[in-house]
Amino acid sequence: MTAMAKYAVDTLKVKKCFSLVIRDNEGYILQKQVFVDYLKNNG
C-alpha cells in the first residue's frame, strides 16, 4: 500500500482524496490506514 500511495502522489499527482473502507475486516482497514497516512504525510 505504500508502493500504491507513492505512485498516487508521485505519478498520478493526486491532491484531494476521498477514502472509503469496510469497517468489519481488519485487513482492509490496515490497507486503508497505510494508504491514507502516506497521503497525509505527503501533502
PDB file of all heavy atoms in Angstrom:
ATOM      1  N   MET A   1       0.825  -1.209   0.000  1.00  0.00           N
ATOM      2  CA  MET A   1       0.000   0.000   0.000  1.00  0.00           C
ATOM      3  C   MET A   1       0.860   1.261   0.000  1.00  0.00           C
ATOM      4  O   MET A   1       0.450   2.297  -0.533  1.00  0.00           O
ATOM      5  CB  MET A   1      -0.955   0.002   1.187  1.00  0.00           C
ATOM      6  CG  MET A   1      -2.075  -1.031   1.097  1.00  0.00           C
ATOM      7  SD  MET A   1      -2.951  -1.111  -0.495  1.00  0.00           S
ATOM      8  CE  MET A   1      -3.658   0.512  -0.636  1.00  0.00           C
ATOM      9  N   THR A   2       2.052   1.190   0.564  1.00  0.00           N
ATOM     10  CA  THR A   2       2.974   2.321   0.458  1.00  0.00           C
ATOM     11  C   THR A   2       3.397   2.522  -0.991  1.00  0.00           C
ATOM     12  O   THR A   2       3.482   3.656  -1.478  1.00  0.00           O
ATOM     13  CB  THR A   2       4.207   2.099   1.354  1.00  0.00           C
ATOM     14  OG1 THR A   2       3.792   2.054   2.720  1.00  0.00           O
ATOM     15  CG2 THR A   2       5.221   3.225   1.172  1.00  0.00           C
ATOM     16  N   ALA A   3       3.659   1.400  -1.697  1.00  0.00           N
ATOM     17  CA  ALA A   3       4.011   1.496  -3.116  1.00  0.00           C
ATOM     18  C   ALA A   3       2.880   2.141  -3.914  1.00  0.00           C
ATOM     19  O   ALA A   3       3.110   2.977  -4.796  1.00  0.00           O
ATOM     20  CB  ALA A   3       4.334   0.111  -3.671  1.00  0.00           C
ATOM     21  N   MET A   4       1.635   1.758  -3.598  1.00  0.00           N
ATOM     22  CA  MET A   4       0.481   2.327  -4.292  1.00  0.00           C
ATOM     23  C   MET A   4       0.322   3.803  -3.965  1.00  0.00           C
ATOM     24  O   MET A   4       0.061   4.631  -4.852  1.00  0.00           O
ATOM     25  CB  MET A   4      -0.784   1.553  -3.890  1.00  0.00           C
ATOM     26  CG  MET A   4      -2.061   2.016  -4.586  1.00  0.00           C
ATOM     27  SD  MET A   4      -2.125   1.657  -6.362  1.00  0.00           S
ATOM     28  CE  MET A   4      -1.846   3.295  -7.042  1.00  0.00           C
ATOM     29  N   ALA A   5       0.460   4.154  -2.698  1.00  0.00           N
ATOM     30  CA  ALA A   5       0.304   5.549  -2.288  1.00  0.00           C
ATOM     31  C   ALA A   5       1.401   6.434  -2.890  1.00  0.00           C
ATOM     32  O   ALA A   5       1.136   7.562  -3.318  1.00  0.00           O
ATOM     33  CB  ALA A   5       0.332   5.643  -0.765  1.00  0.00           C
ATOM     34  N   LYS A   6       2.615   5.915  -2.933  1.00  0.00           N
ATOM     35  CA  LYS A   6       3.716   6.673  -3.531  1.00  0.00           C
ATOM     36  C   LYS A   6       3.440   6.916  -5.017  1.00  0.00           C
ATOM     37  O   LYS A   6       3.692   8.013  -5.539  1.00  0.00           O
ATOM     38  CB  LYS A   6       5.031   5.908  -3.350  1.00  0.00           C
ATOM     39  CG  LYS A   6       6.271   6.676  -3.786  1.00  0.00           C
ATOM     40  CD  LYS A   6       7.525   5.878  -3.473  1.00  0.00           C
ATOM     41  CE  LYS A   6       8.775   6.711  -3.716  1.00  0.00           C
ATOM     42  NZ  LYS A   6       8.881   7.242  -5.090  1.00  0.00           N
ATOM     43  N   TYR A   7       2.906   5.919  -5.695  1.00  0.00           N
ATOM     44  CA  TYR A   7       2.565   6.059  -7.112  1.00  0.00           C
ATOM     45  C   TYR A   7       1.463   7.106  -7.277  1.00  0.00           C
ATOM     46  O   TYR A   7       1.495   7.915  -8.215  1.00  0.00           O
ATOM     47  CB  TYR A   7       2.105   4.710  -7.665  1.00  0.00           C
ATOM     48  CG  TYR A   7       1.871   4.684  -9.156  1.00  0.00           C
ATOM     49  CD1 TYR A   7       2.899   4.362 -10.035  1.00  0.00           C
ATOM     50  CD2 TYR A   7       0.617   4.980  -9.692  1.00  0.00           C
ATOM     51  CE1 TYR A   7       2.690   4.327 -11.406  1.00  0.00           C
ATOM     52  CE2 TYR A   7       0.386   4.952 -11.057  1.00  0.00           C
ATOM     53  CZ  TYR A   7       1.428   4.629 -11.911  1.00  0.00           C
ATOM     54  OH  TYR A   7       1.215   4.610 -13.275  1.00  0.00           O
ATOM     55  N   ALA A   8       0.496   7.099  -6.361  1.00  0.00           N
ATOM     56  CA  ALA A   8      -0.601   8.073  -6.430  1.00  0.00           C
ATOM     57  C   ALA A   8      -0.090   9.498  -6.285  1.00  0.00           C
ATOM     58  O   ALA A   8      -0.550  10.414  -6.986  1.00  0.00           O
ATOM     59  CB  ALA A   8      -1.627   7.773  -5.337  1.00  0.00           C
ATOM     60  N   VAL A   9       0.878   9.680  -5.400  1.00  0.00           N
ATOM     61  CA  VAL A   9       1.418  11.016  -5.159  1.00  0.00           C
ATOM     62  C   VAL A   9       2.394  11.436  -6.256  1.00  0.00           C
ATOM     63  O   VAL A   9       2.279  12.533  -6.828  1.00  0.00           O
ATOM     64  CB  VAL A   9       2.118  11.072  -3.779  1.00  0.00           C
ATOM     65  CG1 VAL A   9       2.831  12.411  -3.598  1.00  0.00           C
ATOM     66  CG2 VAL A   9       1.114  10.854  -2.658  1.00  0.00           C
ATOM     67  N   ASP A  10       3.339  10.584  -6.580  1.00  0.00           N
ATOM     68  CA  ASP A  10       4.426  10.960  -7.496  1.00  0.00           C
ATOM     69  C   ASP A  10       4.034  10.901  -8.968  1.00  0.00           C
ATOM     70  O   ASP A  10       4.463  11.748  -9.760  1.00  0.00           O
ATOM     71  CB  ASP A  10       5.639  10.048  -7.282  1.00  0.00           C
ATOM     72  CG  ASP A  10       6.244  10.191  -5.902  1.00  0.00           C
ATOM     73  OD1 ASP A  10       5.905  11.167  -5.204  1.00  0.00           O
ATOM     74  OD2 ASP A  10       7.040   9.321  -5.509  1.00  0.00           O
ATOM     75  N   THR A  11       3.236   9.909  -9.343  1.00  0.00           N
ATOM     76  CA  THR A  11       2.912   9.706 -10.759  1.00  0.00           C
ATOM     77  C   THR A  11       1.530  10.236 -11.114  1.00  0.00           C
ATOM     78  O   THR A  11       1.363  10.935 -12.116  1.00  0.00           O
ATOM     79  CB  THR A  11       3.004   8.209 -11.115  1.00  0.00           C
ATOM     80  OG1 THR A  11       4.315   7.727 -10.792  1.00  0.00           O
ATOM     81  CG2 THR A  11       2.733   7.982 -12.596  1.00  0.00           C
ATOM     82  N   LEU A  12       0.527   9.897 -10.286  1.00  0.00           N
ATOM     83  CA  LEU A  12      -0.834  10.337 -10.580  1.00  0.00           C
ATOM     84  C   LEU A  12      -1.098  11.765 -10.119  1.00  0.00           C
ATOM     85  O   LEU A  12      -2.085  12.380 -10.550  1.00  0.00           O
ATOM     86  CB  LEU A  12      -1.845   9.391  -9.929  1.00  0.00           C
ATOM     87  CG  LEU A  12      -1.755   7.917 -10.369  1.00  0.00           C
ATOM     88  CD1 LEU A  12      -2.757   7.057  -9.599  1.00  0.00           C
ATOM     89  CD2 LEU A  12      -1.981   7.791 -11.871  1.00  0.00           C
ATOM     90  N   LYS A  13      -0.244  12.281  -9.226  1.00  0.00           N
ATOM     91  CA  LYS A  13      -0.312  13.674  -8.756  1.00  0.00           C
ATOM     92  C   LYS A  13      -1.657  14.019  -8.108  1.00  0.00           C
ATOM     93  O   LYS A  13      -2.210  15.093  -8.313  1.00  0.00           O
ATOM     94  CB  LYS A  13      -0.057  14.647  -9.915  1.00  0.00           C
ATOM     95  CG  LYS A  13       1.209  14.392 -10.721  1.00  0.00           C
ATOM     96  CD  LYS A  13       2.468  14.606  -9.904  1.00  0.00           C
ATOM     97  CE  LYS A  13       3.725  14.444 -10.763  1.00  0.00           C
ATOM     98  NZ  LYS A  13       4.975  14.539  -9.957  1.00  0.00           N
ATOM     99  N   VAL A  14      -2.202  13.081  -7.311  1.00  0.00           N
ATOM    100  CA  VAL A  14      -3.471  13.364  -6.644  1.00  0.00           C
ATOM    101  C   VAL A  14      -3.271  14.436  -5.578  1.00  0.00           C
ATOM    102  O   VAL A  14      -2.216  14.519  -4.946  1.00  0.00           O
ATOM    103  CB  VAL A  14      -4.081  12.086  -6.027  1.00  0.00           C
ATOM    104  CG1 VAL A  14      -4.324  11.036  -7.096  1.00  0.00           C
ATOM    105  CG2 VAL A  14      -3.201  11.522  -4.923  1.00  0.00           C
ATOM    106  N   LYS A  15      -4.312  15.239  -5.365  1.00  0.00           N
ATOM    107  CA  LYS A  15      -4.232  16.352  -4.417  1.00  0.00           C
ATOM    108  C   LYS A  15      -5.318  16.305  -3.355  1.00  0.00           C
ATOM    109  O   LYS A  15      -5.156  16.869  -2.267  1.00  0.00           O
ATOM    110  CB  LYS A  15      -4.328  17.690  -5.170  1.00  0.00           C
ATOM    111  CG  LYS A  15      -3.253  17.913  -6.220  1.00  0.00           C
ATOM    112  CD  LYS A  15      -1.863  17.979  -5.616  1.00  0.00           C
ATOM    113  CE  LYS A  15      -0.792  18.243  -6.672  1.00  0.00           C
ATOM    114  NZ  LYS A  15       0.580  18.170  -6.099  1.00  0.00           N
ATOM    115  N   LYS A  16      -6.435  15.646  -3.676  1.00  0.00           N
ATOM    116  CA  LYS A  16      -7.610  15.708  -2.799  1.00  0.00           C
ATOM    117  C   LYS A  16      -8.345  14.370  -2.893  1.00  0.00           C
ATOM    118  O   LYS A  16      -8.967  14.070  -3.909  1.00  0.00           O
ATOM    119  CB  LYS A  16      -8.503  16.855  -3.250  1.00  0.00           C
ATOM    120  CG  LYS A  16      -9.646  17.196  -2.332  1.00  0.00           C
ATOM    121  CD  LYS A  16     -10.395  18.414  -2.893  1.00  0.00           C
ATOM    122  CE  LYS A  16     -11.580  18.771  -2.019  1.00  0.00           C
ATOM    123  NZ  LYS A  16     -12.335  19.924  -2.578  1.00  0.00           N
ATOM    124  N   CYS A  17      -8.271  13.574  -1.842  1.00  0.00           N
ATOM    125  CA  CYS A  17      -8.743  12.192  -1.933  1.00  0.00           C
ATOM    126  C   CYS A  17      -9.841  11.884  -0.914  1.00  0.00           C
ATOM    127  O   CYS A  17      -9.773  12.311   0.245  1.00  0.00           O
ATOM    128  CB  CYS A  17      -7.575  11.249  -1.718  1.00  0.00           C
ATOM    129  SG  CYS A  17      -7.852   9.583  -2.358  1.00  0.00           S
ATOM    130  N   PHE A  18     -10.854  11.148  -1.366  1.00  0.00           N
ATOM    131  CA  PHE A  18     -11.932  10.645  -0.521  1.00  0.00           C
ATOM    132  C   PHE A  18     -11.654   9.170  -0.267  1.00  0.00           C
ATOM    133  O   PHE A  18     -11.469   8.389  -1.204  1.00  0.00           O
ATOM    134  CB  PHE A  18     -13.274  10.811  -1.239  1.00  0.00           C
ATOM    135  CG  PHE A  18     -14.483  10.556  -0.387  1.00  0.00           C
ATOM    136  CD1 PHE A  18     -15.293  11.592   0.025  1.00  0.00           C
ATOM    137  CD2 PHE A  18     -14.826   9.258  -0.004  1.00  0.00           C
ATOM    138  CE1 PHE A  18     -16.420  11.359   0.813  1.00  0.00           C
ATOM    139  CE2 PHE A  18     -15.943   9.016   0.783  1.00  0.00           C
ATOM    140  CZ  PHE A  18     -16.739  10.084   1.197  1.00  0.00           C
ATOM    141  N   SER A  19     -11.631   8.759   1.012  1.00  0.00           N
ATOM    142  CA  SER A  19     -11.313   7.370   1.377  1.00  0.00           C
ATOM    143  C   SER A  19     -12.539   6.664   1.938  1.00  0.00           C
ATOM    144  O   SER A  19     -13.272   7.223   2.764  1.00  0.00           O
ATOM    145  CB  SER A  19     -10.191   7.352   2.419  1.00  0.00           C
ATOM    146  OG  SER A  19      -9.986   6.046   2.912  1.00  0.00           O
ATOM    147  N   LEU A  20     -12.747   5.413   1.496  1.00  0.00           N
ATOM    148  CA  LEU A  20     -13.876   4.611   1.962  1.00  0.00           C
ATOM    149  C   LEU A  20     -13.410   3.174   2.180  1.00  0.00           C
ATOM    150  O   LEU A  20     -12.750   2.595   1.305  1.00  0.00           O
ATOM    151  CB  LEU A  20     -15.009   4.652   0.935  1.00  0.00           C
ATOM    152  CG  LEU A  20     -16.311   3.938   1.289  1.00  0.00           C
ATOM    153  CD1 LEU A  20     -16.946   4.534   2.541  1.00  0.00           C
ATOM    154  CD2 LEU A  20     -17.295   4.010   0.117  1.00  0.00           C
ATOM    155  N   VAL A  21     -13.773   2.572   3.328  1.00  0.00           N
ATOM    156  CA  VAL A  21     -13.294   1.242   3.697  1.00  0.00           C
ATOM    157  C   VAL A  21     -14.426   0.452   4.354  1.00  0.00           C
ATOM    158  O   VAL A  21     -15.369   1.044   4.894  1.00  0.00           O
ATOM    159  CB  VAL A  21     -12.090   1.353   4.672  1.00  0.00           C
ATOM    160  CG1 VAL A  21     -12.499   2.017   5.972  1.00  0.00           C
ATOM    161  CG2 VAL A  21     -11.458  -0.010   4.965  1.00  0.00           C
ATOM    162  N   ILE A  22     -14.356  -0.875   4.295  1.00  0.00           N
ATOM    163  CA  ILE A  22     -15.272  -1.673   5.111  1.00  0.00           C
ATOM    164  C   ILE A  22     -14.688  -1.745   6.525  1.00  0.00           C
ATOM    165  O   ILE A  22     -13.500  -1.963   6.710  1.00  0.00           O
ATOM    166  CB  ILE A  22     -15.530  -3.086   4.545  1.00  0.00           C
ATOM    167  CG1 ILE A  22     -14.232  -3.885   4.370  1.00  0.00           C
ATOM    168  CG2 ILE A  22     -16.315  -3.017   3.250  1.00  0.00           C
ATOM    169  CD1 ILE A  22     -14.471  -5.360   4.069  1.00  0.00           C
ATOM    170  N   ARG A  23     -15.556  -1.554   7.502  1.00  0.00           N
ATOM    171  CA  ARG A  23     -15.076  -1.465   8.883  1.00  0.00           C
ATOM    172  C   ARG A  23     -15.124  -2.786   9.646  1.00  0.00           C
ATOM    173  O   ARG A  23     -14.793  -2.828  10.843  1.00  0.00           O
ATOM    174  CB  ARG A  23     -15.858  -0.406   9.656  1.00  0.00           C
ATOM    175  CG  ARG A  23     -17.361  -0.621   9.743  1.00  0.00           C
ATOM    176  CD  ARG A  23     -18.016   0.477  10.564  1.00  0.00           C
ATOM    177  NE  ARG A  23     -19.462   0.392  10.582  1.00  0.00           N
ATOM    178  CZ  ARG A  23     -20.261   1.015   9.716  1.00  0.00           C
ATOM    179  NH1 ARG A  23     -19.730   1.765   8.751  1.00  0.00           N
ATOM    180  NH2 ARG A  23     -21.573   0.900   9.794  1.00  0.00           N
ATOM    181  N   ASP A  24     -15.533  -3.865   8.959  1.00  0.00           N
ATOM    182  CA  ASP A  24     -15.634  -5.158   9.643  1.00  0.00           C
ATOM    183  C   ASP A  24     -14.595  -6.157   9.145  1.00  0.00           C
ATOM    184  O   ASP A  24     -14.802  -7.368   9.219  1.00  0.00           O
ATOM    185  CB  ASP A  24     -17.042  -5.739   9.529  1.00  0.00           C
ATOM    186  CG  ASP A  24     -17.607  -5.735   8.106  1.00  0.00           C
ATOM    187  OD1 ASP A  24     -16.998  -5.091   7.230  1.00  0.00           O
ATOM    188  OD2 ASP A  24     -18.667  -6.352   7.890  1.00  0.00           O
ATOM    189  N   ASN A  25     -13.473  -5.650   8.637  1.00  0.00           N
ATOM    190  CA  ASN A  25     -12.371  -6.527   8.231  1.00  0.00           C
ATOM    191  C   ASN A  25     -11.053  -5.822   8.533  1.00  0.00           C
ATOM    192  O   ASN A  25     -10.752  -4.771   7.960  1.00  0.00           O
ATOM    193  CB  ASN A  25     -12.468  -6.867   6.742  1.00  0.00           C
ATOM    194  CG  ASN A  25     -11.414  -7.877   6.312  1.00  0.00           C
ATOM    195  OD1 ASN A  25     -10.221  -7.620   6.394  1.00  0.00           O
ATOM    196  ND2 ASN A  25     -11.854  -9.033   5.843  1.00  0.00           N
ATOM    197  N   GLU A  26     -10.285  -6.401   9.461  1.00  0.00           N
ATOM    198  CA  GLU A  26      -9.045  -5.782   9.925  1.00  0.00           C
ATOM    199  C   GLU A  26      -8.050  -5.556   8.792  1.00  0.00           C
ATOM    200  O   GLU A  26      -7.365  -4.532   8.739  1.00  0.00           O
ATOM    201  CB  GLU A  26      -8.406  -6.675  11.001  1.00  0.00           C
ATOM    202  CG  GLU A  26      -7.077  -6.175  11.531  1.00  0.00           C
ATOM    203  CD  GLU A  26      -7.184  -4.902  12.339  1.00  0.00           C
ATOM    204  OE1 GLU A  26      -8.239  -4.665  12.945  1.00  0.00           O
ATOM    205  OE2 GLU A  26      -6.190  -4.148  12.367  1.00  0.00           O
ATOM    206  N   GLY A  27      -7.962  -6.512   7.864  1.00  0.00           N
ATOM    207  CA  GLY A  27      -7.003  -6.390   6.769  1.00  0.00           C
ATOM    208  C   GLY A  27      -7.313  -5.218   5.856  1.00  0.00           C
ATOM    209  O   GLY A  27      -6.410  -4.478   5.440  1.00  0.00           O
ATOM    210  N   TYR A  28      -8.581  -5.010   5.540  1.00  0.00           N
ATOM    211  CA  TYR A  28      -8.980  -3.904   4.681  1.00  0.00           C
ATOM    212  C   TYR A  28      -8.729  -2.566   5.376  1.00  0.00           C
ATOM    213  O   TYR A  28      -8.317  -1.587   4.755  1.00  0.00           O
ATOM    214  CB  TYR A  28     -10.464  -4.034   4.308  1.00  0.00           C
ATOM    215  CG  TYR A  28     -10.752  -5.086   3.263  1.00  0.00           C
ATOM    216  CD1 TYR A  28     -10.818  -6.434   3.601  1.00  0.00           C
ATOM    217  CD2 TYR A  28     -10.964  -4.737   1.940  1.00  0.00           C
ATOM    218  CE1 TYR A  28     -11.084  -7.408   2.649  1.00  0.00           C
ATOM    219  CE2 TYR A  28     -11.243  -5.708   0.975  1.00  0.00           C
ATOM    220  CZ  TYR A  28     -11.296  -7.035   1.338  1.00  0.00           C
ATOM    221  OH  TYR A  28     -11.561  -7.989   0.394  1.00  0.00           O
ATOM    222  N   ILE A  29      -8.985  -2.522   6.686  1.00  0.00           N
ATOM    223  CA  ILE A  29      -8.756  -1.300   7.461  1.00  0.00           C
ATOM    224  C   ILE A  29      -7.266  -0.956   7.466  1.00  0.00           C
ATOM    225  O   ILE A  29      -6.874   0.204   7.302  1.00  0.00           O
ATOM    226  CB  ILE A  29      -9.279  -1.469   8.896  1.00  0.00           C
ATOM    227  CG1 ILE A  29     -10.801  -1.602   8.890  1.00  0.00           C
ATOM    228  CG2 ILE A  29      -8.860  -0.288   9.765  1.00  0.00           C
ATOM    229  CD1 ILE A  29     -11.394  -2.021  10.226  1.00  0.00           C
ATOM    230  N   LEU A  30      -6.433  -1.960   7.650  1.00  0.00           N
ATOM    231  CA  LEU A  30      -4.987  -1.733   7.685  1.00  0.00           C
ATOM    232  C   LEU A  30      -4.487  -1.188   6.344  1.00  0.00           C
ATOM    233  O   LEU A  30      -3.678  -0.250   6.305  1.00  0.00           O
ATOM    234  CB  LEU A  30      -4.263  -3.024   8.038  1.00  0.00           C
ATOM    235  CG  LEU A  30      -2.739  -2.940   8.122  1.00  0.00           C
ATOM    236  CD1 LEU A  30      -2.306  -1.929   9.171  1.00  0.00           C
ATOM    237  CD2 LEU A  30      -2.145  -4.311   8.426  1.00  0.00           C
ATOM    238  N   GLN A  31      -4.958  -1.763   5.238  1.00  0.00           N
ATOM    239  CA  GLN A  31      -4.557  -1.277   3.911  1.00  0.00           C
ATOM    240  C   GLN A  31      -4.933   0.186   3.734  1.00  0.00           C
ATOM    241  O   GLN A  31      -4.156   0.994   3.241  1.00  0.00           O
ATOM    242  CB  GLN A  31      -5.212  -2.119   2.818  1.00  0.00           C
ATOM    243  CG  GLN A  31      -4.688  -3.537   2.732  1.00  0.00           C
ATOM    244  CD  GLN A  31      -5.241  -4.285   1.535  1.00  0.00           C
ATOM    245  OE1 GLN A  31      -5.009  -3.898   0.394  1.00  0.00           O
ATOM    246  NE2 GLN A  31      -5.962  -5.349   1.790  1.00  0.00           N
ATOM    247  N   LYS A  32      -6.165   0.514   4.171  1.00  0.00           N
ATOM    248  CA  LYS A  32      -6.628   1.898   4.078  1.00  0.00           C
ATOM    249  C   LYS A  32      -5.752   2.834   4.893  1.00  0.00           C
ATOM    250  O   LYS A  32      -5.365   3.912   4.432  1.00  0.00           O
ATOM    251  CB  LYS A  32      -8.089   1.972   4.557  1.00  0.00           C
ATOM    252  CG  LYS A  32      -8.723   3.363   4.478  1.00  0.00           C
ATOM    253  CD  LYS A  32      -8.503   4.248   5.702  1.00  0.00           C
ATOM    254  CE  LYS A  32      -9.075   3.646   6.959  1.00  0.00           C
ATOM    255  NZ  LYS A  32      -8.925   4.614   8.110  1.00  0.00           N
ATOM    256  N   GLN A  33      -5.420   2.412   6.114  1.00  0.00           N
ATOM    257  CA  GLN A  33      -4.676   3.288   7.010  1.00  0.00           C
ATOM    258  C   GLN A  33      -3.279   3.596   6.477  1.00  0.00           C
ATOM    259  O   GLN A  33      -2.809   4.737   6.559  1.00  0.00           O
ATOM    260  CB  GLN A  33      -4.580   2.672   8.402  1.00  0.00           C
ATOM    261  CG  GLN A  33      -4.257   3.685   9.495  1.00  0.00           C
ATOM    262  CD  GLN A  33      -5.278   4.799   9.564  1.00  0.00           C
ATOM    263  OE1 GLN A  33      -6.482   4.544   9.644  1.00  0.00           O
ATOM    264  NE2 GLN A  33      -4.825   6.038   9.499  1.00  0.00           N
ATOM    265  N   VAL A  34      -2.628   2.583   5.927  1.00  0.00           N
ATOM    266  CA  VAL A  34      -1.290   2.795   5.349  1.00  0.00           C
ATOM    267  C   VAL A  34      -1.375   3.794   4.197  1.00  0.00           C
ATOM    268  O   VAL A  34      -0.563   4.728   4.099  1.00  0.00           O
ATOM    269  CB  VAL A  34      -0.677   1.461   4.865  1.00  0.00           C
ATOM    270  CG1 VAL A  34       0.614   1.713   4.081  1.00  0.00           C
ATOM    271  CG2 VAL A  34      -0.408   0.534   6.039  1.00  0.00           C
ATOM    272  N   PHE A  35      -2.370   3.610   3.330  1.00  0.00           N
ATOM    273  CA  PHE A  35      -2.541   4.493   2.167  1.00  0.00           C
ATOM    274  C   PHE A  35      -2.847   5.923   2.606  1.00  0.00           C
ATOM    275  O   PHE A  35      -2.195   6.876   2.154  1.00  0.00           O
ATOM    276  CB  PHE A  35      -3.670   3.963   1.286  1.00  0.00           C
ATOM    277  CG  PHE A  35      -3.859   4.715   0.002  1.00  0.00           C
ATOM    278  CD1 PHE A  35      -3.092   4.427  -1.112  1.00  0.00           C
ATOM    279  CD2 PHE A  35      -4.810   5.727  -0.093  1.00  0.00           C
ATOM    280  CE1 PHE A  35      -3.257   5.132  -2.303  1.00  0.00           C
ATOM    281  CE2 PHE A  35      -4.986   6.435  -1.270  1.00  0.00           C
ATOM    282  CZ  PHE A  35      -4.211   6.130  -2.379  1.00  0.00           C
ATOM    283  N   VAL A  36      -3.813   6.083   3.501  1.00  0.00           N
ATOM    284  CA  VAL A  36      -4.232   7.414   3.947  1.00  0.00           C
ATOM    285  C   VAL A  36      -3.099   8.133   4.679  1.00  0.00           C
ATOM    286  O   VAL A  36      -2.870   9.336   4.475  1.00  0.00           O
ATOM    287  CB  VAL A  36      -5.490   7.308   4.833  1.00  0.00           C
ATOM    288  CG1 VAL A  36      -5.752   8.610   5.587  1.00  0.00           C
ATOM    289  CG2 VAL A  36      -6.706   6.952   3.984  1.00  0.00           C
ATOM    290  N   ASP A  37      -2.392   7.420   5.537  1.00  0.00           N
ATOM    291  CA  ASP A  37      -1.285   8.040   6.282  1.00  0.00           C
ATOM    292  C   ASP A  37      -0.213   8.558   5.334  1.00  0.00           C
ATOM    293  O   ASP A  37       0.337   9.653   5.547  1.00  0.00           O
ATOM    294  CB  ASP A  37      -0.675   7.037   7.258  1.00  0.00           C
ATOM    295  CG  ASP A  37      -1.559   6.785   8.469  1.00  0.00           C
ATOM    296  OD1 ASP A  37      -2.539   7.535   8.669  1.00  0.00           O
ATOM    297  OD2 ASP A  37      -1.270   5.825   9.221  1.00  0.00           O
ATOM    298  N   TYR A  38       0.095   7.781   4.301  1.00  0.00           N
ATOM    299  CA  TYR A  38       1.114   8.226   3.346  1.00  0.00           C
ATOM    300  C   TYR A  38       0.653   9.492   2.632  1.00  0.00           C
ATOM    301  O   TYR A  38       1.436  10.441   2.459  1.00  0.00           O
ATOM    302  CB  TYR A  38       1.424   7.127   2.336  1.00  0.00           C
ATOM    303  CG  TYR A  38       2.603   7.457   1.434  1.00  0.00           C
ATOM    304  CD1 TYR A  38       3.880   7.003   1.754  1.00  0.00           C
ATOM    305  CD2 TYR A  38       2.453   8.234   0.282  1.00  0.00           C
ATOM    306  CE1 TYR A  38       4.971   7.318   0.947  1.00  0.00           C
ATOM    307  CE2 TYR A  38       3.528   8.544  -0.531  1.00  0.00           C
ATOM    308  CZ  TYR A  38       4.785   8.087  -0.191  1.00  0.00           C
ATOM    309  OH  TYR A  38       5.861   8.410  -0.988  1.00  0.00           O
ATOM    310  N   LEU A  39      -0.613   9.527   2.214  1.00  0.00           N
ATOM    311  CA  LEU A  39      -1.127  10.720   1.534  1.00  0.00           C
ATOM    312  C   LEU A  39      -1.007  11.938   2.430  1.00  0.00           C
ATOM    313  O   LEU A  39      -0.523  12.999   2.001  1.00  0.00           O
ATOM    314  CB  LEU A  39      -2.593  10.517   1.129  1.00  0.00           C
ATOM    315  CG  LEU A  39      -2.927   9.455   0.083  1.00  0.00           C
ATOM    316  CD1 LEU A  39      -4.378   9.617  -0.371  1.00  0.00           C
ATOM    317  CD2 LEU A  39      -2.009   9.523  -1.121  1.00  0.00           C
ATOM    318  N   LYS A  40      -1.457  11.818   3.666  1.00  0.00           N
ATOM    319  CA  LYS A  40      -1.427  12.952   4.596  1.00  0.00           C
ATOM    320  C   LYS A  40       0.002  13.428   4.844  1.00  0.00           C
ATOM    321  O   LYS A  40       0.258  14.635   4.935  1.00  0.00           O
ATOM    322  CB  LYS A  40      -2.085  12.551   5.918  1.00  0.00           C
ATOM    323  CG  LYS A  40      -3.591  12.376   5.846  1.00  0.00           C
ATOM    324  CD  LYS A  40      -4.151  11.960   7.207  1.00  0.00           C
ATOM    325  CE  LYS A  40      -5.666  11.832   7.180  1.00  0.00           C
ATOM    326  NZ  LYS A  40      -6.207  11.389   8.503  1.00  0.00           N
ATOM    327  N   ASN A  41       0.920  12.480   4.967  1.00  0.00           N
ATOM    328  CA  ASN A  41       2.324  12.831   5.239  1.00  0.00           C
ATOM    329  C   ASN A  41       3.033  13.419   4.033  1.00  0.00           C
ATOM    330  O   ASN A  41       4.166  13.904   4.158  1.00  0.00           O
ATOM    331  CB  ASN A  41       3.082  11.597   5.729  1.00  0.00           C
ATOM    332  CG  ASN A  41       2.620  11.131   7.095  1.00  0.00           C
ATOM    333  OD1 ASN A  41       2.099  11.911   7.886  1.00  0.00           O
ATOM    334  ND2 ASN A  41       2.805   9.855   7.386  1.00  0.00           N
ATOM    335  N   ASN A  42       2.374  13.348   2.862  1.00  0.00           N
ATOM    336  CA  ASN A  42       2.989  13.864   1.646  1.00  0.00           C
ATOM    337  C   ASN A  42       2.143  14.934   0.967  1.00  0.00           C
ATOM    338  O   ASN A  42       2.182  15.111  -0.245  1.00  0.00           O
ATOM    339  CB  ASN A  42       3.275  12.716   0.679  1.00  0.00           C
ATOM    340  CG  ASN A  42       4.444  11.855   1.122  1.00  0.00           C
ATOM    341  OD1 ASN A  42       5.597  12.142   0.823  1.00  0.00           O
ATOM    342  ND2 ASN A  42       4.140  10.807   1.894  1.00  0.00           N
ATOM    343  N   GLY A  43       1.391  15.662   1.781  1.00  0.00           N
ATOM    344  CA  GLY A  43       0.725  16.863   1.316  1.00  0.00           C
ATOM    345  C   GLY A  43      -0.593  16.701   0.598  1.00  0.00           C
ATOM    346  O   GLY A  43      -1.127  17.667   0.040  1.00  0.00           O
TER     347      GLY A  43
END
